[in-house]
Amino acid sequence: MELGKQIKKHRVTAQLSQEELAERIYVSRQTISNWENDKSYPDVNSLVLLSETFQVSLDNLIKGDIDIMKEVIQREEVVKMKHYGAVYTILLTATVVSAVPLFMWLDTWAFIPWGIILAAAMFFAFKVEKVKKDNDVQTYREIVAFSEGKLLDDIQKQREIGKRPYQKILLVIASAAAAFAACILIGLLMHVFLN
């Protein structure tokens, strides 16, 4: 990525040390070093502060990086998240479909294999979220959105939603509860029709 070189060039031109720049951007000196060495990428707020500090437009600051970011988004989402998402869907479907046969065949012992299948489905749901976080997919997506003219307030709102992990946990619990309710309903219907 070109941004690391741009930050270092503008910092040196402004005769700022990494520590002085870090104070102006409200980050640590190590964060500035990581940006300059392409070990991490600044979020949208930091990019805005950098462009103001260096008195350059945001477009000039991240020039050349947008196409790379789009490739990263596509590569990470299409390859890993699609794979993990497919596995999650299969396991969640297996959880719903297998519940009634398992409970009819194994009675209360069915909770063990059914629970294992459900736990595996939830594992892959968390795996999808981990891939997104590990590869800075959210940050890159925000930067691309911002460069395409979306308001910073909209991006900040989306980031705040993403920062609330309890929402994701509630979504997983709600999915599990819906699957469990569907299994109970199918079991009751089969019990009525078989007796």
N, C-alpha and C. Protein backbone atom coordinates (compact mmCIF):
# COMPACT_ATOMS: atom_id res chain seq x y z
N MET A 1 0.83 -1.18 0.00
CA MET A 1 0.00 0.00 0.00
C MET A 1 0.88 1.25 0.00
N GLU A 2 0.37 2.31 -0.57
CA GLU A 2 1.10 3.55 -0.69
C GLU A 2 0.95 4.47 0.52
N LEU A 3 -0.08 4.26 1.33
CA LEU A 3 -0.36 5.20 2.41
C LEU A 3 0.80 5.31 3.39
N GLY A 4 1.43 4.21 3.72
CA GLY A 4 2.55 4.24 4.65
C GLY A 4 3.65 5.19 4.19
N LYS A 5 3.96 5.11 2.89
CA LYS A 5 4.98 6.00 2.32
C LYS A 5 4.50 7.45 2.35
N GLN A 6 3.22 7.65 2.06
CA GLN A 6 2.66 9.00 2.07
C GLN A 6 2.74 9.62 3.47
N ILE A 7 2.36 8.84 4.48
CA ILE A 7 2.39 9.35 5.86
C ILE A 7 3.81 9.75 6.23
N LYS A 8 4.76 8.87 5.93
CA LYS A 8 6.15 9.16 6.29
C LYS A 8 6.65 10.38 5.54
N LYS A 9 6.35 10.47 4.25
CA LYS A 9 6.80 11.61 3.44
C LYS A 9 6.24 12.92 4.00
N HIS A 10 4.95 12.95 4.26
CA HIS A 10 4.33 14.18 4.77
C HIS A 10 4.79 14.50 6.20
N ARG A 11 5.02 13.48 7.00
CA ARG A 11 5.51 13.70 8.37
C ARG A 11 6.89 14.33 8.34
N VAL A 12 7.77 13.80 7.48
CA VAL A 12 9.13 14.33 7.38
C VAL A 12 9.10 15.75 6.82
N THR A 13 8.25 15.98 5.81
CA THR A 13 8.11 17.32 5.23
C THR A 13 7.63 18.32 6.28
N ALA A 14 6.72 17.89 7.14
CA ALA A 14 6.20 18.76 8.20
C ALA A 14 7.15 18.85 9.39
N GLN A 15 8.26 18.14 9.31
CA GLN A 15 9.28 18.10 10.36
C GLN A 15 8.69 17.68 11.70
N LEU A 16 7.92 16.60 11.65
CA LEU A 16 7.32 16.03 12.85
C LEU A 16 7.95 14.68 13.14
N SER A 17 8.17 14.40 14.41
CA SER A 17 8.59 13.05 14.79
C SER A 17 7.35 12.17 14.83
N GLN A 18 7.56 10.87 14.90
CA GLN A 18 6.41 9.97 15.00
C GLN A 18 5.61 10.27 16.26
N GLU A 19 6.31 10.60 17.32
CA GLU A 19 5.63 10.90 18.59
C GLU A 19 4.79 12.18 18.49
N GLU A 20 5.34 13.21 17.84
CA GLU A 20 4.60 14.46 17.68
C GLU A 20 3.35 14.26 16.82
N LEU A 21 3.50 13.48 15.75
CA LEU A 21 2.34 13.18 14.89
C LEU A 21 1.31 12.37 15.66
N ALA A 22 1.79 11.42 16.45
CA ALA A 22 0.88 10.58 17.24
C ALA A 22 0.04 11.42 18.19
N GLU A 23 0.65 12.43 18.80
CA GLU A 23 -0.10 13.31 19.71
C GLU A 23 -1.19 14.08 18.97
N ARG A 24 -0.90 14.49 17.76
CA ARG A 24 -1.90 15.24 16.98
C ARG A 24 -3.04 14.36 16.47
N ILE A 25 -2.75 13.09 16.28
CA ILE A 25 -3.77 12.17 15.72
C ILE A 25 -4.46 11.39 16.84
N TYR A 26 -3.97 11.54 18.06
CA TYR A 26 -4.53 10.85 19.24
C TYR A 26 -4.33 9.34 19.16
N VAL A 27 -3.14 8.93 18.75
CA VAL A 27 -2.77 7.52 18.73
C VAL A 27 -1.38 7.40 19.35
N SER A 28 -0.89 6.17 19.46
CA SER A 28 0.45 5.97 20.02
C SER A 28 1.51 6.11 18.93
N ARG A 29 2.75 6.32 19.36
CA ARG A 29 3.86 6.39 18.41
C ARG A 29 3.99 5.09 17.65
N GLN A 30 3.75 3.96 18.35
CA GLN A 30 3.83 2.64 17.71
C GLN A 30 2.81 2.51 16.58
N THR A 31 1.64 3.11 16.78
CA THR A 31 0.60 3.07 15.74
C THR A 31 1.09 3.80 14.49
N ILE A 32 1.73 4.96 14.67
CA ILE A 32 2.28 5.70 13.53
C ILE A 32 3.33 4.85 12.82
N SER A 33 4.18 4.21 13.60
CA SER A 33 5.21 3.34 13.02
C SER A 33 4.57 2.19 12.23
N ASN A 34 3.52 1.61 12.80
CA ASN A 34 2.83 0.51 12.10
C ASN A 34 2.21 0.99 10.80
N TRP A 35 1.65 2.19 10.81
CA TRP A 35 1.08 2.74 9.57
C TRP A 35 2.16 2.96 8.52
N GLU A 36 3.27 3.55 8.95
CA GLU A 36 4.36 3.85 8.00
C GLU A 36 5.00 2.58 7.45
N ASN A 37 4.97 1.51 8.21
CA ASN A 37 5.56 0.24 7.76
C ASN A 37 4.51 -0.72 7.18
N ASP A 38 3.31 -0.21 6.93
CA ASP A 38 2.22 -1.00 6.34
C ASP A 38 1.86 -2.24 7.16
N LYS A 39 2.03 -2.14 8.48
CA LYS A 39 1.62 -3.25 9.35
C LYS A 39 0.15 -3.13 9.74
N SER A 40 -0.39 -1.92 9.68
CA SER A 40 -1.81 -1.70 9.94
C SER A 40 -2.24 -0.49 9.12
N TYR A 41 -3.54 -0.25 9.11
CA TYR A 41 -4.10 0.83 8.30
C TYR A 41 -4.95 1.72 9.19
N PRO A 42 -4.83 3.04 9.07
CA PRO A 42 -5.61 3.93 9.92
C PRO A 42 -7.11 3.85 9.62
N ASP A 43 -7.92 4.10 10.65
CA ASP A 43 -9.36 4.15 10.42
C ASP A 43 -9.72 5.49 9.79
N VAL A 44 -10.97 5.68 9.47
CA VAL A 44 -11.41 6.87 8.75
C VAL A 44 -11.14 8.14 9.56
N ASN A 45 -11.43 8.12 10.85
CA ASN A 45 -11.19 9.31 11.68
C ASN A 45 -9.72 9.70 11.66
N SER A 46 -8.84 8.72 11.77
CA SER A 46 -7.40 9.00 11.75
C SER A 46 -6.98 9.54 10.39
N LEU A 47 -7.56 9.02 9.31
CA LEU A 47 -7.23 9.53 7.98
C LEU A 47 -7.63 10.99 7.83
N VAL A 48 -8.79 11.33 8.36
CA VAL A 48 -9.24 12.73 8.29
C VAL A 48 -8.28 13.62 9.08
N LEU A 49 -7.88 13.19 10.27
CA LEU A 49 -6.93 13.97 11.07
C LEU A 49 -5.57 14.08 10.38
N LEU A 50 -5.14 12.99 9.73
CA LEU A 50 -3.87 13.04 9.00
C LEU A 50 -3.95 14.05 7.85
N SER A 51 -5.05 14.01 7.10
CA SER A 51 -5.16 14.94 5.97
C SER A 51 -5.21 16.39 6.45
N GLU A 52 -5.86 16.64 7.60
CA GLU A 52 -5.89 17.99 8.16
C GLU A 52 -4.52 18.41 8.66
N THR A 53 -3.82 17.49 9.33
CA THR A 53 -2.49 17.79 9.86
C THR A 53 -1.51 18.10 8.74
N PHE A 54 -1.55 17.30 7.68
CA PHE A 54 -0.62 17.49 6.57
C PHE A 54 -1.11 18.52 5.56
N GLN A 55 -2.36 18.98 5.73
CA GLN A 55 -2.98 19.94 4.82
C GLN A 55 -2.97 19.44 3.38
N VAL A 56 -3.37 18.17 3.23
CA VAL A 56 -3.56 17.56 1.90
C VAL A 56 -4.95 16.95 1.88
N SER A 57 -5.49 16.82 0.70
CA SER A 57 -6.82 16.22 0.60
C SER A 57 -6.73 14.73 0.92
N LEU A 58 -7.84 14.21 1.37
CA LEU A 58 -7.91 12.78 1.68
C LEU A 58 -7.65 11.95 0.42
N ASP A 59 -8.16 12.43 -0.71
CA ASP A 59 -7.92 11.72 -1.98
C ASP A 59 -6.43 11.61 -2.28
N ASN A 60 -5.69 12.69 -2.09
CA ASN A 60 -4.25 12.65 -2.35
C ASN A 60 -3.52 11.75 -1.34
N LEU A 61 -4.01 11.73 -0.12
CA LEU A 61 -3.35 10.94 0.92
C LEU A 61 -3.46 9.45 0.64
N ILE A 62 -4.64 9.01 0.21
CA ILE A 62 -4.84 7.56 0.01
C ILE A 62 -4.81 7.16 -1.46
N LYS A 63 -4.35 8.07 -2.31
CA LYS A 63 -4.30 7.80 -3.74
C LYS A 63 -3.57 6.49 -4.02
N GLY A 64 -4.16 5.66 -4.84
CA GLY A 64 -3.55 4.38 -5.20
C GLY A 64 -3.95 3.24 -4.29
N ASP A 65 -4.43 3.55 -3.09
CA ASP A 65 -4.79 2.49 -2.15
C ASP A 65 -6.22 1.99 -2.33
N ILE A 66 -7.10 2.79 -2.93
CA ILE A 66 -8.51 2.41 -3.04
C ILE A 66 -8.67 1.12 -3.84
N ASP A 67 -8.00 1.01 -4.97
CA ASP A 67 -8.13 -0.21 -5.77
C ASP A 67 -7.59 -1.42 -5.02
N ILE A 68 -6.49 -1.23 -4.29
CA ILE A 68 -5.93 -2.33 -3.49
C ILE A 68 -6.92 -2.74 -2.41
N MET A 69 -7.54 -1.74 -1.75
CA MET A 69 -8.51 -2.04 -0.70
C MET A 69 -9.70 -2.82 -1.26
N LYS A 70 -10.17 -2.41 -2.43
CA LYS A 70 -11.30 -3.13 -3.04
C LYS A 70 -10.94 -4.58 -3.32
N GLU A 71 -9.70 -4.82 -3.77
CA GLU A 71 -9.26 -6.19 -4.00
C GLU A 71 -9.19 -6.98 -2.70
N VAL A 72 -8.71 -6.34 -1.64
CA VAL A 72 -8.62 -7.01 -0.34
C VAL A 72 -10.02 -7.37 0.15
N ILE A 73 -10.96 -6.41 0.03
CA ILE A 73 -12.33 -6.68 0.46
C ILE A 73 -12.89 -7.87 -0.29
N GLN A 74 -12.76 -7.84 -1.60
CA GLN A 74 -13.33 -8.91 -2.41
C GLN A 74 -12.65 -10.25 -2.11
N ARG A 75 -11.33 -10.26 -2.06
CA ARG A 75 -10.61 -11.50 -1.83
C ARG A 75 -10.98 -12.11 -0.47
N GLU A 76 -10.95 -11.29 0.57
CA GLU A 76 -11.25 -11.80 1.91
C GLU A 76 -12.70 -12.24 2.04
N GLU A 77 -13.62 -11.44 1.53
CA GLU A 77 -15.03 -11.78 1.65
C GLU A 77 -15.40 -12.98 0.80
N VAL A 78 -14.95 -12.99 -0.44
CA VAL A 78 -15.35 -14.05 -1.35
C VAL A 78 -14.74 -15.39 -0.95
N VAL A 79 -13.48 -15.41 -0.61
CA VAL A 79 -12.81 -16.68 -0.33
C VAL A 79 -13.13 -17.23 1.06
N LYS A 80 -12.73 -16.51 2.10
CA LYS A 80 -12.88 -17.05 3.45
C LYS A 80 -14.31 -16.97 3.98
N MET A 81 -14.91 -15.80 3.88
CA MET A 81 -16.22 -15.65 4.49
C MET A 81 -17.28 -16.45 3.77
N LYS A 82 -17.16 -16.59 2.47
CA LYS A 82 -18.12 -17.41 1.72
C LYS A 82 -17.98 -18.87 2.15
N HIS A 83 -16.76 -19.33 2.32
CA HIS A 83 -16.52 -20.71 2.76
C HIS A 83 -17.08 -20.95 4.16
N TYR A 84 -16.71 -20.08 5.10
CA TYR A 84 -17.20 -20.26 6.46
C TYR A 84 -18.71 -20.07 6.54
N GLY A 85 -19.23 -19.14 5.76
CA GLY A 85 -20.68 -18.93 5.73
C GLY A 85 -21.42 -20.16 5.21
N ALA A 86 -20.86 -20.81 4.19
CA ALA A 86 -21.49 -22.02 3.65
C ALA A 86 -21.47 -23.15 4.68
N VAL A 87 -20.34 -23.31 5.36
CA VAL A 87 -20.25 -24.34 6.39
C VAL A 87 -21.24 -24.06 7.51
N TYR A 88 -21.36 -22.80 7.92
CA TYR A 88 -22.30 -22.41 8.96
C TYR A 88 -23.73 -22.73 8.53
N THR A 89 -24.08 -22.40 7.29
CA THR A 89 -25.43 -22.66 6.79
C THR A 89 -25.74 -24.15 6.78
N ILE A 90 -24.80 -24.95 6.33
CA ILE A 90 -24.99 -26.41 6.30
C ILE A 90 -25.18 -26.95 7.71
N LEU A 91 -24.34 -26.51 8.63
CA LEU A 91 -24.43 -27.01 10.00
C LEU A 91 -25.72 -26.54 10.69
N LEU A 92 -26.14 -25.31 10.43
CA LEU A 92 -27.38 -24.82 11.02
C LEU A 92 -28.58 -25.59 10.46
N THR A 93 -28.55 -25.87 9.16
CA THR A 93 -29.62 -26.69 8.55
C THR A 93 -29.60 -28.09 9.14
N ALA A 94 -28.42 -28.66 9.32
CA ALA A 94 -28.31 -29.99 9.92
C ALA A 94 -28.84 -29.99 11.34
N THR A 95 -28.64 -28.90 12.06
CA THR A 95 -29.16 -28.78 13.42
C THR A 95 -30.67 -28.88 13.42
N VAL A 96 -31.30 -28.16 12.52
CA VAL A 96 -32.76 -28.15 12.46
C VAL A 96 -33.30 -29.49 11.97
N VAL A 97 -32.73 -30.00 10.89
CA VAL A 97 -33.23 -31.23 10.27
C VAL A 97 -32.98 -32.46 11.13
N SER A 98 -31.86 -32.50 11.82
CA SER A 98 -31.51 -33.70 12.57
C SER A 98 -32.18 -33.80 13.94
N ALA A 99 -32.75 -32.72 14.41
CA ALA A 99 -33.30 -32.71 15.77
C ALA A 99 -34.37 -33.77 15.98
N VAL A 100 -35.37 -33.78 15.13
CA VAL A 100 -36.49 -34.72 15.32
C VAL A 100 -36.04 -36.17 15.19
N PRO A 101 -35.33 -36.54 14.12
CA PRO A 101 -34.89 -37.93 14.04
C PRO A 101 -34.01 -38.35 15.22
N LEU A 102 -33.12 -37.45 15.64
CA LEU A 102 -32.25 -37.78 16.76
C LEU A 102 -33.05 -38.00 18.05
N PHE A 103 -34.02 -37.12 18.31
CA PHE A 103 -34.80 -37.25 19.53
C PHE A 103 -35.74 -38.46 19.48
N MET A 104 -36.20 -38.82 18.30
CA MET A 104 -37.04 -40.01 18.18
C MET A 104 -36.20 -41.28 18.36
N TRP A 105 -34.99 -41.26 17.88
CA TRP A 105 -34.13 -42.43 17.92
C TRP A 105 -33.41 -42.57 19.27
N LEU A 106 -32.90 -41.45 19.81
CA LEU A 106 -32.08 -41.51 21.02
C LEU A 106 -32.76 -40.98 22.27
N ASP A 107 -33.96 -40.46 22.14
CA ASP A 107 -34.71 -39.89 23.26
C ASP A 107 -33.91 -38.74 23.86
N THR A 108 -33.70 -38.69 25.16
CA THR A 108 -33.00 -37.55 25.78
C THR A 108 -31.49 -37.56 25.48
N TRP A 109 -30.96 -38.71 25.09
CA TRP A 109 -29.54 -38.77 24.72
C TRP A 109 -29.26 -37.99 23.43
N ALA A 110 -30.29 -37.62 22.73
CA ALA A 110 -30.13 -36.88 21.47
C ALA A 110 -29.53 -35.49 21.71
N PHE A 111 -29.64 -34.98 22.94
CA PHE A 111 -29.06 -33.67 23.22
C PHE A 111 -27.55 -33.64 22.97
N ILE A 112 -26.88 -34.78 23.14
CA ILE A 112 -25.43 -34.79 22.98
C ILE A 112 -25.03 -34.57 21.51
N PRO A 113 -25.46 -35.43 20.56
CA PRO A 113 -25.05 -35.17 19.17
C PRO A 113 -25.65 -33.88 18.60
N TRP A 114 -26.89 -33.59 19.00
CA TRP A 114 -27.53 -32.37 18.51
C TRP A 114 -26.79 -31.14 19.02
N GLY A 115 -26.39 -31.17 20.27
CA GLY A 115 -25.63 -30.06 20.84
C GLY A 115 -24.27 -29.88 20.17
N ILE A 116 -23.66 -31.00 19.79
CA ILE A 116 -22.36 -30.93 19.11
C ILE A 116 -22.52 -30.26 17.74
N ILE A 117 -23.58 -30.64 17.02
CA ILE A 117 -23.83 -30.03 15.71
C ILE A 117 -24.12 -28.53 15.88
N LEU A 118 -24.93 -28.18 16.87
CA LEU A 118 -25.25 -26.78 17.13
C LEU A 118 -23.99 -26.00 17.52
N ALA A 119 -23.16 -26.58 18.36
CA ALA A 119 -21.92 -25.91 18.78
C ALA A 119 -21.00 -25.69 17.57
N ALA A 120 -20.93 -26.66 16.67
CA ALA A 120 -20.10 -26.51 15.47
C ALA A 120 -20.63 -25.38 14.59
N ALA A 121 -21.96 -25.29 14.47
CA ALA A 121 -22.56 -24.20 13.68
C ALA A 121 -22.21 -22.85 14.29
N MET A 122 -22.31 -22.73 15.59
CA MET A 122 -21.99 -21.47 16.26
C MET A 122 -20.49 -21.14 16.14
N PHE A 123 -19.65 -22.18 16.17
CA PHE A 123 -18.22 -21.99 16.00
C PHE A 123 -17.93 -21.32 14.66
N PHE A 124 -18.58 -21.80 13.59
CA PHE A 124 -18.35 -21.20 12.28
C PHE A 124 -18.97 -19.82 12.15
N ALA A 125 -20.04 -19.55 12.89
CA ALA A 125 -20.60 -18.20 12.90
C ALA A 125 -19.58 -17.22 13.50
N PHE A 126 -18.95 -17.62 14.59
CA PHE A 126 -17.92 -16.78 15.20
C PHE A 126 -16.68 -16.69 14.31
N LYS A 127 -16.39 -17.77 13.57
CA LYS A 127 -15.24 -17.80 12.67
C LYS A 127 -15.39 -16.73 11.57
N VAL A 128 -16.61 -16.58 11.05
CA VAL A 128 -16.86 -15.56 10.04
C VAL A 128 -16.55 -14.18 10.61
N GLU A 129 -17.00 -13.91 11.82
CA GLU A 129 -16.75 -12.61 12.45
C GLU A 129 -15.26 -12.40 12.70
N LYS A 130 -14.56 -13.45 13.09
CA LYS A 130 -13.13 -13.35 13.37
C LYS A 130 -12.35 -13.02 12.10
N VAL A 131 -12.72 -13.64 10.98
CA VAL A 131 -12.05 -13.35 9.71
C VAL A 131 -12.23 -11.89 9.34
N LYS A 132 -13.42 -11.35 9.56
CA LYS A 132 -13.67 -9.95 9.26
C LYS A 132 -12.77 -9.04 10.09
N LYS A 133 -12.66 -9.34 11.36
CA LYS A 133 -11.85 -8.50 12.25
C LYS A 133 -10.36 -8.65 11.97
N ASP A 134 -9.90 -9.90 11.77
CA ASP A 134 -8.48 -10.15 11.55
C ASP A 134 -7.94 -9.49 10.30
N ASN A 135 -8.77 -9.34 9.30
CA ASN A 135 -8.32 -8.80 8.02
C ASN A 135 -8.74 -7.36 7.80
N ASP A 136 -9.20 -6.68 8.83
CA ASP A 136 -9.60 -5.27 8.75
C ASP A 136 -10.60 -5.02 7.63
N VAL A 137 -11.48 -5.97 7.41
CA VAL A 137 -12.46 -5.82 6.34
C VAL A 137 -13.36 -4.63 6.64
N GLN A 138 -13.79 -4.46 7.88
CA GLN A 138 -14.66 -3.34 8.22
C GLN A 138 -13.95 -2.01 7.99
N THR A 139 -12.72 -1.88 8.39
CA THR A 139 -11.99 -0.63 8.24
C THR A 139 -11.82 -0.29 6.76
N TYR A 140 -11.40 -1.24 5.97
CA TYR A 140 -11.24 -1.00 4.54
C TYR A 140 -12.57 -0.62 3.90
N ARG A 141 -13.62 -1.30 4.29
CA ARG A 141 -14.95 -1.02 3.73
C ARG A 141 -15.35 0.43 4.05
N GLU A 142 -15.08 0.86 5.27
CA GLU A 142 -15.40 2.23 5.66
C GLU A 142 -14.62 3.23 4.82
N ILE A 143 -13.36 2.95 4.58
CA ILE A 143 -12.53 3.87 3.82
C ILE A 143 -13.02 3.96 2.38
N VAL A 144 -13.34 2.84 1.79
CA VAL A 144 -13.87 2.83 0.42
C VAL A 144 -15.18 3.61 0.37
N ALA A 145 -16.06 3.37 1.35
CA ALA A 145 -17.34 4.09 1.39
C ALA A 145 -17.11 5.59 1.51
N PHE A 146 -16.20 5.97 2.38
CA PHE A 146 -15.91 7.39 2.58
C PHE A 146 -15.37 8.02 1.31
N SER A 147 -14.49 7.31 0.61
CA SER A 147 -13.90 7.85 -0.62
C SER A 147 -14.93 7.96 -1.74
N GLU A 148 -16.02 7.23 -1.63
CA GLU A 148 -17.08 7.29 -2.64
C GLU A 148 -18.15 8.32 -2.28
N GLY A 149 -17.89 9.13 -1.28
CA GLY A 149 -18.75 10.26 -1.00
C GLY A 149 -19.77 10.08 0.09
N LYS A 150 -19.73 8.98 0.83
CA LYS A 150 -20.66 8.82 1.93
C LYS A 150 -20.24 9.72 3.09
N LEU A 151 -21.22 10.16 3.85
CA LEU A 151 -20.93 11.04 4.98
C LEU A 151 -20.21 10.30 6.09
N LEU A 152 -19.32 10.98 6.75
CA LEU A 152 -18.58 10.40 7.86
C LEU A 152 -19.51 9.97 8.98
N ASP A 153 -20.59 10.72 9.19
CA ASP A 153 -21.53 10.36 10.24
C ASP A 153 -22.14 8.98 9.99
N ASP A 154 -22.47 8.67 8.74
CA ASP A 154 -23.02 7.35 8.40
C ASP A 154 -22.00 6.26 8.69
N ILE A 155 -20.75 6.52 8.36
CA ILE A 155 -19.69 5.54 8.59
C ILE A 155 -19.50 5.33 10.09
N GLN A 156 -19.50 6.42 10.85
CA GLN A 156 -19.33 6.30 12.30
C GLN A 156 -20.48 5.49 12.90
N LYS A 157 -21.69 5.71 12.41
CA LYS A 157 -22.83 4.93 12.91
C LYS A 157 -22.64 3.45 12.63
N GLN A 158 -22.20 3.13 11.43
CA GLN A 158 -21.97 1.72 11.09
C GLN A 158 -20.86 1.12 11.95
N ARG A 159 -19.82 1.91 12.22
CA ARG A 159 -18.73 1.40 13.04
C ARG A 159 -19.21 1.14 14.47
N GLU A 160 -20.04 2.03 14.98
CA GLU A 160 -20.57 1.85 16.33
C GLU A 160 -21.41 0.59 16.42
N ILE A 161 -22.19 0.33 15.39
CA ILE A 161 -22.98 -0.91 15.37
C ILE A 161 -22.04 -2.11 15.40
N GLY A 162 -20.96 -2.04 14.64
CA GLY A 162 -19.99 -3.13 14.60
C GLY A 162 -19.21 -3.30 15.89
N LYS A 163 -19.11 -2.24 16.69
CA LYS A 163 -18.37 -2.31 17.94
C LYS A 163 -19.18 -2.94 19.07
N ARG A 164 -20.44 -3.16 18.86
CA ARG A 164 -21.27 -3.69 19.93
C ARG A 164 -21.34 -5.20 19.83
N PRO A 165 -20.40 -5.89 20.46
CA PRO A 165 -20.35 -7.35 20.34
C PRO A 165 -21.58 -8.04 20.92
N TYR A 166 -22.24 -7.39 21.87
CA TYR A 166 -23.41 -8.03 22.45
C TYR A 166 -24.49 -8.23 21.41
N GLN A 167 -24.55 -7.37 20.40
CA GLN A 167 -25.55 -7.53 19.35
C GLN A 167 -25.29 -8.81 18.56
N LYS A 168 -24.04 -9.11 18.29
CA LYS A 168 -23.70 -10.32 17.55
C LYS A 168 -24.02 -11.56 18.39
N ILE A 169 -23.72 -11.47 19.67
CA ILE A 169 -24.02 -12.60 20.55
C ILE A 169 -25.52 -12.82 20.63
N LEU A 170 -26.28 -11.73 20.73
CA LEU A 170 -27.74 -11.85 20.76
C LEU A 170 -28.27 -12.44 19.45
N LEU A 171 -27.65 -12.07 18.34
CA LEU A 171 -28.07 -12.63 17.05
C LEU A 171 -27.82 -14.13 17.00
N VAL A 172 -26.68 -14.57 17.51
CA VAL A 172 -26.37 -16.00 17.55
C VAL A 172 -27.36 -16.73 18.47
N ILE A 173 -27.65 -16.15 19.63
CA ILE A 173 -28.60 -16.76 20.56
C ILE A 173 -29.99 -16.81 19.94
N ALA A 174 -30.39 -15.74 19.26
CA ALA A 174 -31.70 -15.72 18.62
C ALA A 174 -31.79 -16.77 17.52
N SER A 175 -30.72 -16.94 16.75
CA SER A 175 -30.69 -17.98 15.71
C SER A 175 -30.82 -19.36 16.33
N ALA A 176 -30.08 -19.58 17.41
CA ALA A 176 -30.15 -20.88 18.09
C ALA A 176 -31.54 -21.12 18.66
N ALA A 177 -32.15 -20.08 19.25
CA ALA A 177 -33.50 -20.22 19.81
C ALA A 177 -34.52 -20.50 18.72
N ALA A 178 -34.37 -19.83 17.57
CA ALA A 178 -35.29 -20.09 16.45
C ALA A 178 -35.14 -21.51 15.93
N ALA A 179 -33.90 -21.98 15.84
CA ALA A 179 -33.67 -23.36 15.40
C ALA A 179 -34.25 -24.35 16.40
N PHE A 180 -34.06 -24.07 17.68
CA PHE A 180 -34.59 -24.94 18.72
C PHE A 180 -36.12 -24.97 18.67
N ALA A 181 -36.75 -23.80 18.50
CA ALA A 181 -38.21 -23.72 18.42
C ALA A 181 -38.72 -24.48 17.20
N ALA A 182 -38.03 -24.36 16.07
CA ALA A 182 -38.43 -25.10 14.87
C ALA A 182 -38.33 -26.60 15.09
N CYS A 183 -37.29 -27.03 15.78
CA CYS A 183 -37.11 -28.46 16.07
C CYS A 183 -38.25 -28.98 16.96
N ILE A 184 -38.59 -28.21 17.99
CA ILE A 184 -39.68 -28.61 18.90
C ILE A 184 -40.99 -28.70 18.13
N LEU A 185 -41.25 -27.72 17.29
CA LEU A 185 -42.49 -27.71 16.51
C LEU A 185 -42.55 -28.92 15.57
N ILE A 186 -41.46 -29.20 14.90
CA ILE A 186 -41.42 -30.37 14.01
C ILE A 186 -41.62 -31.65 14.81
N GLY A 187 -40.98 -31.73 15.97
CA GLY A 187 -41.14 -32.91 16.83
C GLY A 187 -42.57 -33.10 17.29
N LEU A 188 -43.22 -32.02 17.69
CA LEU A 188 -44.62 -32.11 18.14
C LEU A 188 -45.52 -32.53 16.99
N LEU A 189 -45.29 -31.96 15.81
CA LEU A 189 -46.10 -32.34 14.66
C LEU A 189 -45.92 -33.81 14.29
N MET A 190 -44.69 -34.28 14.32
CA MET A 190 -44.44 -35.69 14.02
C MET A 190 -45.03 -36.59 15.08
N HIS A 191 -44.98 -36.17 16.34
CA HIS A 191 -45.56 -36.96 17.42
C HIS A 191 -47.08 -37.10 17.25
N VAL A 192 -47.73 -36.00 16.84
CA VAL A 192 -49.17 -36.01 16.63
C VAL A 192 -49.53 -36.91 15.45
N PHE A 193 -48.78 -36.83 14.35
CA PHE A 193 -49.11 -37.61 13.18
C PHE A 193 -48.73 -39.08 13.30
N LEU A 194 -47.72 -39.41 14.10
CA LEU A 194 -47.30 -40.80 14.26
C LEU A 194 -48.14 -41.54 15.32
N ASN A 195 -48.82 -40.82 16.19
CA ASN A 195 -49.62 -41.48 17.22
C ASN A 195 -51.05 -41.50 16.87
